[in-house]
C-alpha atoms as a PDB file:
ATOM      1  CA  MET A   1     -37.121 -36.090 -20.664  1.00  0.00           C
ATOM      2  CA  ARG A   2     -34.097 -35.113 -22.717  1.00  0.00           C
ATOM      3  CA  ARG A   3     -36.081 -32.377 -24.443  1.00  0.00           C
ATOM      4  CA  VAL A   4     -36.971 -30.766 -21.091  1.00  0.00           C
ATOM      5  CA  GLY A   5     -33.305 -30.737 -20.100  1.00  0.00           C
ATOM      6  CA  ASN A   6     -32.249 -29.145 -23.381  1.00  0.00           C
ATOM      7  CA  THR A   7     -34.976 -26.513 -23.031  1.00  0.00           C
ATOM      8  CA  ALA A   8     -33.822 -25.679 -19.507  1.00  0.00           C
ATOM      9  CA  ILE A   9     -30.198 -25.358 -20.648  1.00  0.00           C
ATOM     10  CA  ALA A  10     -31.261 -23.127 -23.545  1.00  0.00           C
ATOM     11  CA  ALA A  11     -33.307 -20.903 -21.228  1.00  0.00           C
ATOM     12  CA  VAL A  12     -30.438 -20.486 -18.781  1.00  0.00           C
ATOM     13  CA  THR A  13     -28.066 -19.701 -21.658  1.00  0.00           C
ATOM     14  CA  VAL A  14     -30.377 -17.006 -23.032  1.00  0.00           C
ATOM     15  CA  VAL A  15     -30.757 -15.409 -19.590  1.00  0.00           C
ATOM     16  CA  ALA A  16     -26.973 -15.459 -19.078  1.00  0.00           C
ATOM     17  CA  LEU A  17     -26.306 -13.896 -22.485  1.00  0.00           C
ATOM     18  CA  CYS A  18     -28.901 -11.180 -21.929  1.00  0.00           C
ATOM     19  CA  SER A  19     -27.537 -10.440 -18.456  1.00  0.00           C
ATOM     20  CA  GLY A  20     -23.993 -10.238 -19.796  1.00  0.00           C
ATOM     21  CA  ALA A  21     -25.029  -7.894 -22.601  1.00  0.00           C
ATOM     22  CA  TRP A  22     -26.842  -5.638 -20.135  1.00  0.00           C
ATOM     23  CA  LEU A  23     -23.827  -5.561 -17.788  1.00  0.00           C
ATOM     24  CA  LEU A  24     -21.490  -4.715 -20.663  1.00  0.00           C
ATOM     25  CA  SER A  25     -23.685  -1.829 -21.782  1.00  0.00           C
ATOM     26  CA  HIS A  26     -24.654  -0.431 -18.367  1.00  0.00           C
ATOM     27  CA  GLY A  27     -22.093  -1.740 -15.897  1.00  0.00           C
ATOM     28  CA  ASP A  28     -22.388  -0.772 -12.275  1.00  0.00           C
ATOM     29  CA  GLY A  29     -22.479   2.951 -12.985  1.00  0.00           C
ATOM     30  CA  SER A  30     -19.316   3.814 -11.100  1.00  0.00           C
ATOM     31  CA  GLY A  31     -16.385   5.406 -12.835  1.00  0.00           C
ATOM     32  CA  PRO A  32     -12.699   5.063 -12.112  1.00  0.00           C
ATOM     33  CA  PRO A  33     -11.472   6.042  -8.633  1.00  0.00           C
ATOM     34  CA  PRO A  34     -10.696   9.729  -8.142  1.00  0.00           C
ATOM     35  CA  GLN A  35      -7.152  10.886  -8.793  1.00  0.00           C
ATOM     36  CA  PRO A  36      -5.263  12.677  -6.018  1.00  0.00           C
ATOM     37  CA  SER A  37      -5.322  16.418  -6.248  1.00  0.00           C
ATOM     38  CA  ALA A  38      -2.162  18.433  -6.831  1.00  0.00           C
ATOM     39  CA  ALA A  39      -2.199  19.517  -3.175  1.00  0.00           C
ATOM     40  CA  GLU A  40      -2.305  15.893  -2.004  1.00  0.00           C
ATOM     41  CA  ALA A  41       0.560  15.001  -4.326  1.00  0.00           C
ATOM     42  CA  ARG A  42       2.728  17.781  -2.914  1.00  0.00           C
ATOM     43  CA  THR A  43       2.020  16.885   0.730  1.00  0.00           C
ATOM     44  CA  GLY A  44       2.429  13.143   0.254  1.00  0.00           C
ATOM     45  CA  GLN A  45      -1.101  12.355   1.443  1.00  0.00           C
ATOM     46  CA  ALA A  46      -1.652  10.197  -1.626  1.00  0.00           C
ATOM     47  CA  LEU A  47       1.213   7.893  -0.585  1.00  0.00           C
ATOM     48  CA  ARG A  48      -0.333   6.605   2.659  1.00  0.00           C
ATOM     49  CA  ALA A  49       0.427   3.114   3.852  1.00  0.00           C
ATOM     50  CA  PRO A  50      -2.006   0.442   2.687  1.00  0.00           C
ATOM     51  CA  ALA A  51      -4.933  -0.359   4.968  1.00  0.00           C
ATOM     52  CA  ALA A  52      -3.961  -4.037   5.235  1.00  0.00           C
ATOM     53  CA  PRO A  53      -0.461  -5.493   5.579  1.00  0.00           C
ATOM     54  CA  ALA A  54       0.967  -7.685   2.846  1.00  0.00           C
ATOM     55  CA  LEU A  55       0.265 -11.393   3.111  1.00  0.00           C
ATOM     56  CA  ALA A  56       3.058 -13.617   4.356  1.00  0.00           C
ATOM     57  CA  PRO A  57       4.333 -16.295   1.959  1.00  0.00           C
ATOM     58  CA  PRO A  58       2.772 -19.740   2.448  1.00  0.00           C
ATOM     59  CA  HIS A  59       4.435 -22.011   4.978  1.00  0.00           C
ATOM     60  CA  ARG A  60       6.320 -24.887   3.380  1.00  0.00           C
ATOM     61  CA  THR A  61       6.320 -28.171   5.217  1.00  0.00           C
ATOM     62  CA  ALA A  62       9.241 -30.578   5.359  1.00  0.00           C
ATOM     63  CA  SER A  63       7.414 -33.126   3.234  1.00  0.00           C
ATOM     64  CA  ALA A  64       6.779 -30.533   0.527  1.00  0.00           C
ATOM     65  CA  SER A  65      10.484 -29.662   0.546  1.00  0.00           C
ATOM     66  CA  ARG A  66      11.436 -33.316   0.168  1.00  0.00           C
ATOM     67  CA  ARG A  67       8.995 -33.759  -2.707  1.00  0.00           C
ATOM     68  CA  SER A  68      10.339 -30.748  -4.570  1.00  0.00           C
ATOM     69  CA  ALA A  69      13.928 -31.876  -3.927  1.00  0.00           C
ATOM     70  CA  SER A  70      13.208 -35.321  -5.339  1.00  0.00           C
ATOM     71  CA  THR A  71      11.641 -33.864  -8.498  1.00  0.00           C
ATOM     72  CA  ARG A  72      14.680 -31.669  -9.146  1.00  0.00           C
ATOM     73  CA  ARG A  73      17.028 -34.636  -9.587  1.00  0.00           C
END
C-alpha cells in the first residue's frame, strides 16, 4: 500500500515539474502592457483615475484595541 502512495506522489511531482518547465518556456504568450503614446502623455489621457476605488482600511473592534494596548505594556 505504501508503494502505491509513493508512486502516486512521484507521478504528481513529475507532472508538476513538467508543467512548470513548459510554463517557464512558453508562458501565456502575452507581452507587457502597451505603453502610452506620446500624444496620450501630452493630453493626460494616460493618467486616468483607476477603475476601482482604493480599499478602506480594516475596521478595528474595541476588543482588538484592548488586546493591542495590553501587549504594548
